[in-house]
């Protein structure tokens, strides 16, 4: 499993069962099964559909400023929050 670090401007999209990293120089495809987490230090474009794909694949994405200061994360849920709870 890989940790992906993004340091330059690009667009993130889902293309079939891969994550597409689109730049002005071209597109790079990485199978989502090889990705453990994504760390963003540059500018990225992504949408809700891509975040939904990351959630289903259980891939977190972390955001940092260009100087490395932590800004926040998108963490997929680890369990279902609806349903009955039994207390003993």
Protein backbone atom coordinates (compact mmCIF):
# COMPACT_ATOMS: atom_id res chain seq x y z
CA UNK A 1 0.00 0.00 0.00
CA UNK A 2 1.28 3.45 -0.94
CA UNK A 3 1.01 6.83 0.69
CA UNK A 4 0.56 9.40 -2.07
CA UNK A 5 1.96 12.92 -1.57
CA UNK A 6 0.67 15.67 -3.88
CA UNK A 7 2.91 18.73 -3.97
CA UNK A 8 1.83 20.41 -7.22
CA UNK A 9 -1.46 21.55 -8.72
CA UNK A 10 -3.61 18.81 -10.20
CA UNK A 11 -7.10 17.39 -10.49
CA UNK A 12 -8.13 14.15 -8.76
CA UNK A 13 -10.77 11.99 -10.41
CA UNK A 14 -12.02 8.44 -10.39
CA UNK A 15 -11.44 6.65 -13.67
CA UNK A 16 -12.92 3.13 -13.55
CA UNK A 17 -11.22 1.53 -10.53
CA UNK A 18 -8.23 3.85 -10.51
CA UNK A 19 -7.42 7.28 -9.14
CA UNK A 20 -6.51 9.67 -11.95
CA UNK A 21 -3.99 12.42 -11.19
CA UNK A 22 -4.45 14.97 -13.97
CA UNK A 23 -1.84 17.71 -14.60
CA UNK A 24 -0.89 19.90 -17.54
CA UNK A 25 1.84 17.38 -18.38
CA UNK A 26 -0.50 14.40 -18.58
CA UNK A 27 -2.47 11.92 -16.52
CA UNK A 28 -1.18 9.27 -14.14
CA UNK A 29 -3.39 6.37 -13.02
CA UNK A 30 -2.98 4.46 -9.76
CA UNK A 31 -5.22 1.51 -8.78
CA UNK A 32 -7.15 2.43 -5.64
CA UNK A 33 -6.26 -0.93 -4.08
CA UNK A 34 -2.61 0.22 -3.93
CA UNK A 35 -3.38 3.49 -2.07
CA UNK A 36 -3.34 3.64 1.74
CA UNK A 37 -3.82 7.42 2.09
CA UNK A 38 -3.41 10.70 0.19
CA UNK A 39 -1.53 13.74 1.51
CA UNK A 40 -2.19 17.05 -0.26
CA UNK A 41 0.33 19.92 -0.01
CA UNK A 42 -0.52 21.57 -3.34
CA UNK A 43 -3.70 22.87 -4.94
CA UNK A 44 -6.16 20.17 -6.00
CA UNK A 45 -9.56 20.03 -7.64
CA UNK A 46 -11.91 17.24 -6.59
CA UNK A 47 -15.65 16.75 -6.19
CA UNK A 48 -18.16 14.99 -3.97
CA UNK A 49 -18.26 11.95 -6.24
CA UNK A 50 -14.51 11.48 -5.76
CA UNK A 51 -14.86 11.80 -1.97
CA UNK A 52 -17.63 9.19 -2.07
CA UNK A 53 -15.29 6.88 -4.00
CA UNK A 54 -12.56 7.41 -1.38
CA UNK A 55 -15.06 6.63 1.40
CA UNK A 56 -16.08 3.34 -0.18
CA UNK A 57 -12.42 2.44 -0.68
CA UNK A 58 -11.61 3.50 2.95
CA UNK A 59 -8.89 5.94 1.78
CA UNK A 60 -8.35 9.05 3.95
CA UNK A 61 -7.18 12.33 2.40
CA UNK A 62 -5.19 14.84 4.48
CA UNK A 63 -4.69 18.52 3.62
CA UNK A 64 -1.66 20.66 4.46
CA UNK A 65 -0.65 24.21 3.60
CA UNK A 66 2.21 24.73 1.16
CA UNK A 67 4.47 25.18 4.21
CA UNK A 68 3.40 21.87 5.74
CA UNK A 69 0.92 23.15 8.34
CA UNK A 70 -1.94 20.70 8.95
CA UNK A 71 -5.30 22.03 7.69
CA UNK A 72 -7.65 19.07 8.06
CA UNK A 73 -8.61 15.60 6.88
CA UNK A 74 -11.44 13.74 5.23
CA UNK A 75 -11.77 10.41 7.00
CA UNK A 76 -14.14 7.72 5.76
CA UNK A 77 -16.51 6.36 8.38
CA UNK A 78 -15.37 3.13 9.95
CA UNK A 79 -18.76 1.80 10.93
CA UNK A 80 -22.47 2.25 10.32
CA UNK A 81 -23.94 4.91 12.56
CA UNK A 82 -27.55 3.85 12.18
CA UNK A 83 -29.22 0.89 13.84
CA UNK A 84 -30.04 -0.36 17.30
CA UNK A 85 -27.66 -0.30 20.25
CA UNK A 86 -27.94 -2.91 22.96
CA UNK A 87 -26.61 -2.00 26.40
CA UNK A 88 -25.86 -4.70 28.95
